[in-house]
C-alpha atoms as a PDB file:
ATOM      1  CA  MET A   1       0.094  -0.042  -0.060  1.00  0.00           C
ATOM      2  CA  VAL A   2       2.694   2.409   0.783  1.00  0.00           C
ATOM      3  CA  ASP A   3       4.517   1.754  -2.195  1.00  0.00           C
ATOM      4  CA  TYR A   4       1.375   2.353  -4.200  1.00  0.00           C
ATOM      5  CA  ILE A   5       0.500   5.666  -2.366  1.00  0.00           C
ATOM      6  CA  VAL A   6       4.042   7.068  -2.578  1.00  0.00           C
ATOM      7  CA  GLU A   7       4.564   5.725  -6.142  1.00  0.00           C
ATOM      8  CA  GLU A   8       7.874   4.231  -5.343  1.00  0.00           C
ATOM      9  CA  ASP A   9       9.414   1.028  -3.709  1.00  0.00           C
ATOM     10  CA  SER A  10      10.188   1.548  -0.032  1.00  0.00           C
ATOM     11  CA  ASP A  11      12.804  -0.211   2.013  1.00  0.00           C
ATOM     12  CA  TRP A  12      11.895  -2.221   5.120  1.00  0.00           C
ATOM     13  CA  ASP A  13      13.046   0.573   7.472  1.00  0.00           C
ATOM     14  CA  THR A  14      10.444   2.882   5.954  1.00  0.00           C
ATOM     15  CA  TYR A  15       7.716   0.312   6.542  1.00  0.00           C
ATOM     16  CA  VAL A  16       8.759  -0.155  10.131  1.00  0.00           C
ATOM     17  CA  ALA A  17       9.063   3.621  10.734  1.00  0.00           C
ATOM     18  CA  ILE A  18       5.668   4.184   9.334  1.00  0.00           C
ATOM     19  CA  ILE A  19       4.005   1.483  11.422  1.00  0.00           C
ATOM     20  CA  LEU A  20       5.675   2.889  14.701  1.00  0.00           C
ATOM     21  CA  CYS A  21       4.770   6.426  13.958  1.00  0.00           C
ATOM     22  CA  ARG A  22       1.152   5.487  13.459  1.00  0.00           C
ATOM     23  CA  GLY A  23       1.301   3.114  16.655  1.00  0.00           C
ATOM     24  CA  ILE A  24       2.775   5.961  18.748  1.00  0.00           C
ATOM     25  CA  ARG A  25       0.151   8.411  17.611  1.00  0.00           C
ATOM     26  CA  ALA A  26      -2.497   6.012  18.377  1.00  0.00           C
ATOM     27  CA  VAL A  27      -1.200   5.351  21.811  1.00  0.00           C
ATOM     28  CA  ILE A  28      -0.872   9.159  22.635  1.00  0.00           C
ATOM     29  CA  GLU A  29      -4.556   9.679  21.206  1.00  0.00           C
ATOM     30  CA  ASP A  30      -5.808   6.855  23.410  1.00  0.00           C
ATOM     31  CA  LEU A  31      -4.064   8.181  26.479  1.00  0.00           C
ATOM     32  CA  THR A  32      -5.186  11.866  26.236  1.00  0.00           C
ATOM     33  CA  PRO A  33      -8.576  13.500  25.976  1.00  0.00           C
ATOM     34  CA  SER A  34     -10.071  13.131  22.557  1.00  0.00           C
ATOM     35  CA  GLU A  35     -11.697  16.534  22.801  1.00  0.00           C
ATOM     36  CA  ASN A  36      -8.374  18.114  23.128  1.00  0.00           C
ATOM     37  CA  THR A  37      -6.678  17.677  19.649  1.00  0.00           C
ATOM     38  CA  LEU A  38      -4.319  20.581  20.293  1.00  0.00           C
ATOM     39  CA  LEU A  39      -2.943  18.626  23.389  1.00  0.00           C
ATOM     40  CA  GLN A  40      -2.512  15.449  21.093  1.00  0.00           C
ATOM     41  CA  ARG A  41      -0.724  17.290  18.284  1.00  0.00           C
ATOM     42  CA  THR A  42       1.577  19.127  20.948  1.00  0.00           C
ATOM     43  CA  LEU A  43       2.386  15.867  22.394  1.00  0.00           C
ATOM     44  CA  MET A  44       3.088  14.340  19.030  1.00  0.00           C
ATOM     45  CA  SER A  45       5.395  17.292  17.885  1.00  0.00           C
ATOM     46  CA  MET A  46       7.201  17.081  21.407  1.00  0.00           C
ATOM     47  CA  TYR A  47       7.590  13.293  20.853  1.00  0.00           C
ATOM     48  CA  ALA A  48       9.081  13.710  17.529  1.00  0.00           C
ATOM     49  CA  GLN A  49      11.683  16.053  19.133  1.00  0.00           C
ATOM     50  CA  ASN A  50      12.519  14.079  22.361  1.00  0.00           C
ATOM     51  CA  PRO A  51      10.676  10.799  22.571  1.00  0.00           C
ATOM     52  CA  GLU A  52      12.241   9.406  25.826  1.00  0.00           C
ATOM     53  CA  PHE A  53      11.251  12.598  27.604  1.00  0.00           C
ATOM     54  CA  VAL A  54       7.648  12.563  26.342  1.00  0.00           C
ATOM     55  CA  SER A  55       7.326   9.126  27.182  1.00  0.00           C
ATOM     56  CA  ARG A  56       8.320   9.457  30.613  1.00  0.00           C
ATOM     57  CA  PHE A  57       6.247  12.537  31.169  1.00  0.00           C
ATOM     58  CA  ILE A  58       3.019  10.870  29.960  1.00  0.00           C
ATOM     59  CA  VAL A  59       3.843   7.858  32.425  1.00  0.00           C
ATOM     60  CA  ASP A  60       4.501  10.191  35.155  1.00  0.00           C
ATOM     61  CA  THR A  61       1.445  12.284  34.586  1.00  0.00           C
ATOM     62  CA  LEU A  62      -0.659   9.088  34.532  1.00  0.00           C
ATOM     63  CA  LYS A  63       0.970   7.844  37.616  1.00  0.00           C
ATOM     64  CA  ALA A  64       0.098  11.253  39.385  1.00  0.00           C
ATOM     65  CA  GLY A  65      -3.498  11.338  38.298  1.00  0.00           C
ATOM     66  CA  GLU A  66      -6.523  10.965  40.593  1.00  0.00           C
ATOM     67  CA  SER A  67      -7.080   7.255  39.694  1.00  0.00           C
ATOM     68  CA  PRO A  68      -4.045   5.881  37.993  1.00  0.00           C
ATOM     69  CA  GLU A  69      -5.250   2.201  37.852  1.00  0.00           C
ATOM     70  CA  GLU A  70      -8.717   3.317  36.245  1.00  0.00           C
ATOM     71  CA  ILE A  71      -6.832   5.240  33.737  1.00  0.00           C
ATOM     72  CA  ARG A  72      -4.417   1.970  33.056  1.00  0.00           C
ATOM     73  CA  GLN A  73      -7.282  -0.171  32.874  1.00  0.00           C
ATOM     74  CA  GLU A  74      -9.205   2.142  30.358  1.00  0.00           C
ATOM     75  CA  ALA A  75      -5.749   2.484  28.223  1.00  0.00           C
ATOM     76  CA  LYS A  76      -5.349  -1.433  28.205  1.00  0.00           C
ATOM     77  CA  HIS A  77      -8.999  -1.692  26.844  1.00  0.00           C
ATOM     78  CA  LYS A  78      -8.284   1.107  24.249  1.00  0.00           C
ATOM     79  CA  LEU A  79      -5.152  -0.622  23.162  1.00  0.00           C
ATOM     80  CA  GLY A  80      -6.740  -4.067  22.866  1.00  0.00           C
ATOM     81  CA  PHE A  81      -5.257  -5.763  25.696  1.00  0.00           C
ATOM     82  CA  ILE A  82      -8.697  -6.256  27.396  1.00  0.00           C
ATOM     83  CA  LYS A  83     -11.366  -7.475  25.106  1.00  0.00           C
ATOM     84  CA  ASP A  84     -15.135  -6.980  25.729  1.00  0.00           C
END
């Protein structure tokens, strides 16, 4: 699909980078309020600059939240680790 869309053959690293980027974006979107797209876009831009910092920041923020276990369970559900 990627090759068709970009109209050229891509290498394996390009495919992996695309999948990882899409996956990380989905995780950030799942862990942040969906009504706050500005926050989601900001975190994605920050992640592109410093992924380790942003990842740690998100985890620390979730841990410090009012109900970290509830958030963790909701995230597990959104990420597909818990099935209905």
